[in-house]
C-alpha cells in the first residue's frame, strides 16, 4: 500500500530522485524519496542548521544504513541513522553533508 502512495506522489512531482551508494562498495540503486531539509535552531537560537532527512517505503532501500551515501539533486549526503516509521512499511533516514 505504501508503495502505491509513493508512486502517486512521484507522478505528482512531489518526490526527489536519490542514488544510493552503499559504504560497503556494493552496487547501489536509484529510487524516488520524500526529501526534507527543514531549518532547526541551534546555538541557543543564534543560528539555523538544516536537518536533512528522507522518507521512503522500506522495500525501496531495505539495506540502507549509517555511513551510506545518497546523492539528491547533485548533492551528496551521508546517512546518519535509519528508523522504521509507524508499522515499519516506511523508513526515515537522517542525513548530513559529508
C-alpha atoms as a PDB file:
ATOM      1  CA  UNK A   1       0.000   0.000   0.000  1.00  0.00           C
ATOM      2  CA  UNK A   2       2.762   2.484   0.921  1.00  0.00           C
ATOM      3  CA  UNK A   3       4.449   1.860  -2.447  1.00  0.00           C
ATOM      4  CA  UNK A   4       1.222   2.943  -4.221  1.00  0.00           C
ATOM      5  CA  UNK A   5       1.149   6.144  -2.177  1.00  0.00           C
ATOM      6  CA  UNK A   6       4.748   6.937  -3.124  1.00  0.00           C
ATOM      7  CA  UNK A   7       4.065   6.125  -6.773  1.00  0.00           C
ATOM      8  CA  UNK A   8       1.179   8.628  -6.773  1.00  0.00           C
ATOM      9  CA  UNK A   9       3.422  11.230  -5.103  1.00  0.00           C
ATOM     10  CA  UNK A  10       6.084  10.569  -7.753  1.00  0.00           C
ATOM     11  CA  UNK A  11       3.581  11.131 -10.567  1.00  0.00           C
ATOM     12  CA  UNK A  12       2.524  14.386  -8.883  1.00  0.00           C
ATOM     13  CA  UNK A  13       6.164  15.557  -8.864  1.00  0.00           C
ATOM     14  CA  UNK A  14       6.475  15.556  -5.069  1.00  0.00           C
ATOM     15  CA  UNK A  15       9.478  13.225  -4.777  1.00  0.00           C
ATOM     16  CA  UNK A  16      13.188  13.522  -5.486  1.00  0.00           C
ATOM     17  CA  UNK A  17      15.431  11.026  -7.223  1.00  0.00           C
ATOM     18  CA  UNK A  18      18.091   9.628  -4.886  1.00  0.00           C
ATOM     19  CA  UNK A  19      21.040   7.460  -5.872  1.00  0.00           C
ATOM     20  CA  UNK A  20      22.216   5.166  -3.066  1.00  0.00           C
ATOM     21  CA  UNK A  21      25.895   4.213  -2.782  1.00  0.00           C
ATOM     22  CA  UNK A  22      26.473   1.638  -0.024  1.00  0.00           C
ATOM     23  CA  UNK A  23      29.536   2.230   2.173  1.00  0.00           C
ATOM     24  CA  UNK A  24      30.460  -1.427   1.565  1.00  0.00           C
ATOM     25  CA  UNK A  25      31.126  -0.698  -2.111  1.00  0.00           C
ATOM     26  CA  UNK A  26      28.292  -2.972  -3.251  1.00  0.00           C
ATOM     27  CA  UNK A  27      26.204  -1.837  -6.243  1.00  0.00           C
ATOM     28  CA  UNK A  28      23.700   0.884  -5.398  1.00  0.00           C
ATOM     29  CA  UNK A  29      20.340   1.823  -6.813  1.00  0.00           C
ATOM     30  CA  UNK A  30      18.242   4.853  -7.693  1.00  0.00           C
ATOM     31  CA  UNK A  31      14.833   5.400  -6.067  1.00  0.00           C
ATOM     32  CA  UNK A  32      12.275   8.154  -5.506  1.00  0.00           C
ATOM     33  CA  UNK A  33      12.167   9.572  -1.962  1.00  0.00           C
ATOM     34  CA  UNK A  34      10.480  12.346   0.008  1.00  0.00           C
ATOM     35  CA  UNK A  35      13.363  14.727   0.784  1.00  0.00           C
ATOM     36  CA  UNK A  36      13.133  17.305   3.565  1.00  0.00           C
ATOM     37  CA  UNK A  37      15.594  19.977   4.683  1.00  0.00           C
ATOM     38  CA  UNK A  38      13.790  21.947   7.412  1.00  0.00           C
ATOM     39  CA  UNK A  39      15.768  24.515   9.364  1.00  0.00           C
ATOM     40  CA  UNK A  40      16.494  23.774  13.000  1.00  0.00           C
ATOM     41  CA  UNK A  41      17.513  26.402  15.550  1.00  0.00           C
ATOM     42  CA  UNK A  42      20.931  25.702  17.095  1.00  0.00           C
ATOM     43  CA  UNK A  43      23.340  27.544  19.413  1.00  0.00           C
ATOM     44  CA  UNK A  44      20.540  28.808  21.616  1.00  0.00           C
ATOM     45  CA  UNK A  45      18.702  30.300  18.641  1.00  0.00           C
ATOM     46  CA  UNK A  46      21.658  32.204  17.183  1.00  0.00           C
ATOM     47  CA  UNK A  47      21.968  30.065  14.073  1.00  0.00           C
ATOM     48  CA  UNK A  48      19.883  27.856  11.815  1.00  0.00           C
ATOM     49  CA  UNK A  49      21.014  24.449  10.607  1.00  0.00           C
ATOM     50  CA  UNK A  50      19.341  22.220   8.025  1.00  0.00           C
ATOM     51  CA  UNK A  51      18.017  18.922   9.357  1.00  0.00           C
ATOM     52  CA  UNK A  52      18.231  16.764   6.211  1.00  0.00           C
ATOM     53  CA  UNK A  53      16.115  13.610   6.030  1.00  0.00           C
ATOM     54  CA  UNK A  54      14.289  11.352   3.628  1.00  0.00           C
ATOM     55  CA  UNK A  55      11.244   9.102   3.903  1.00  0.00           C
ATOM     56  CA  UNK A  56      10.673   6.117   1.661  1.00  0.00           C
ATOM     57  CA  UNK A  57       8.949   2.718   1.544  1.00  0.00           C
ATOM     58  CA  UNK A  58      11.069   0.164   3.411  1.00  0.00           C
ATOM     59  CA  UNK A  59      11.051  -2.053   0.312  1.00  0.00           C
ATOM     60  CA  UNK A  60      12.838   0.650  -1.762  1.00  0.00           C
ATOM     61  CA  UNK A  61      16.074   0.659   0.268  1.00  0.00           C
ATOM     62  CA  UNK A  62      15.887  -2.301   2.657  1.00  0.00           C
ATOM     63  CA  UNK A  63      19.667  -2.335   3.263  1.00  0.00           C
ATOM     64  CA  UNK A  64      20.223   1.423   3.731  1.00  0.00           C
ATOM     65  CA  UNK A  65      22.361   2.023   6.810  1.00  0.00           C
ATOM     66  CA  UNK A  66      24.543   4.593   8.557  1.00  0.00           C
ATOM     67  CA  UNK A  67      27.556   5.846   6.564  1.00  0.00           C
ATOM     68  CA  UNK A  68      25.989   5.023   3.179  1.00  0.00           C
ATOM     69  CA  UNK A  69      25.888   7.945   0.736  1.00  0.00           C
ATOM     70  CA  UNK A  70      22.849   9.326  -1.094  1.00  0.00           C
ATOM     71  CA  UNK A  71      23.039  11.765  -3.998  1.00  0.00           C
ATOM     72  CA  UNK A  72      19.999  14.019  -4.276  1.00  0.00           C
ATOM     73  CA  UNK A  73      19.822  16.913  -6.757  1.00  0.00           C
ATOM     74  CA  UNK A  74      23.559  16.622  -7.368  1.00  0.00           C
ATOM     75  CA  UNK A  75      24.426  16.943  -3.674  1.00  0.00           C
ATOM     76  CA  UNK A  76      25.947  14.142  -1.585  1.00  0.00           C
ATOM     77  CA  UNK A  77      24.549  13.277   1.849  1.00  0.00           C
ATOM     78  CA  UNK A  78      25.837  10.728   4.354  1.00  0.00           C
ATOM     79  CA  UNK A  79      23.258   8.627   6.214  1.00  0.00           C
ATOM     80  CA  UNK A  80      23.449   9.224   9.985  1.00  0.00           C
ATOM     81  CA  UNK A  81      20.639   6.925  11.107  1.00  0.00           C
ATOM     82  CA  UNK A  82      17.695   4.949   9.750  1.00  0.00           C
ATOM     83  CA  UNK A  83      14.493   4.175  11.648  1.00  0.00           C
ATOM     84  CA  UNK A  84      11.186   2.492  10.912  1.00  0.00           C
ATOM     85  CA  UNK A  85       8.096   4.696  10.898  1.00  0.00           C
ATOM     86  CA  UNK A  86       4.666   3.583  12.118  1.00  0.00           C
ATOM     87  CA  UNK A  87       4.123  -0.092  11.182  1.00  0.00           C
ATOM     88  CA  UNK A  88       7.592  -0.442   9.613  1.00  0.00           C
ATOM     89  CA  UNK A  89       6.452  -0.242   5.989  1.00  0.00           C
ATOM     90  CA  UNK A  90       8.039   3.224   5.750  1.00  0.00           C
ATOM     91  CA  UNK A  91      11.512   4.306   6.872  1.00  0.00           C
ATOM     92  CA  UNK A  92      13.091   7.658   7.666  1.00  0.00           C
ATOM     93  CA  UNK A  93      16.801   8.313   7.262  1.00  0.00           C
ATOM     94  CA  UNK A  94      18.525  11.290   8.872  1.00  0.00           C
ATOM     95  CA  UNK A  95      21.257  12.724   6.673  1.00  0.00           C
ATOM     96  CA  UNK A  96      24.195  15.100   6.940  1.00  0.00           C
ATOM     97  CA  UNK A  97      26.542  16.725   4.461  1.00  0.00           C
ATOM     98  CA  UNK A  98      29.875  14.832   4.284  1.00  0.00           C
END
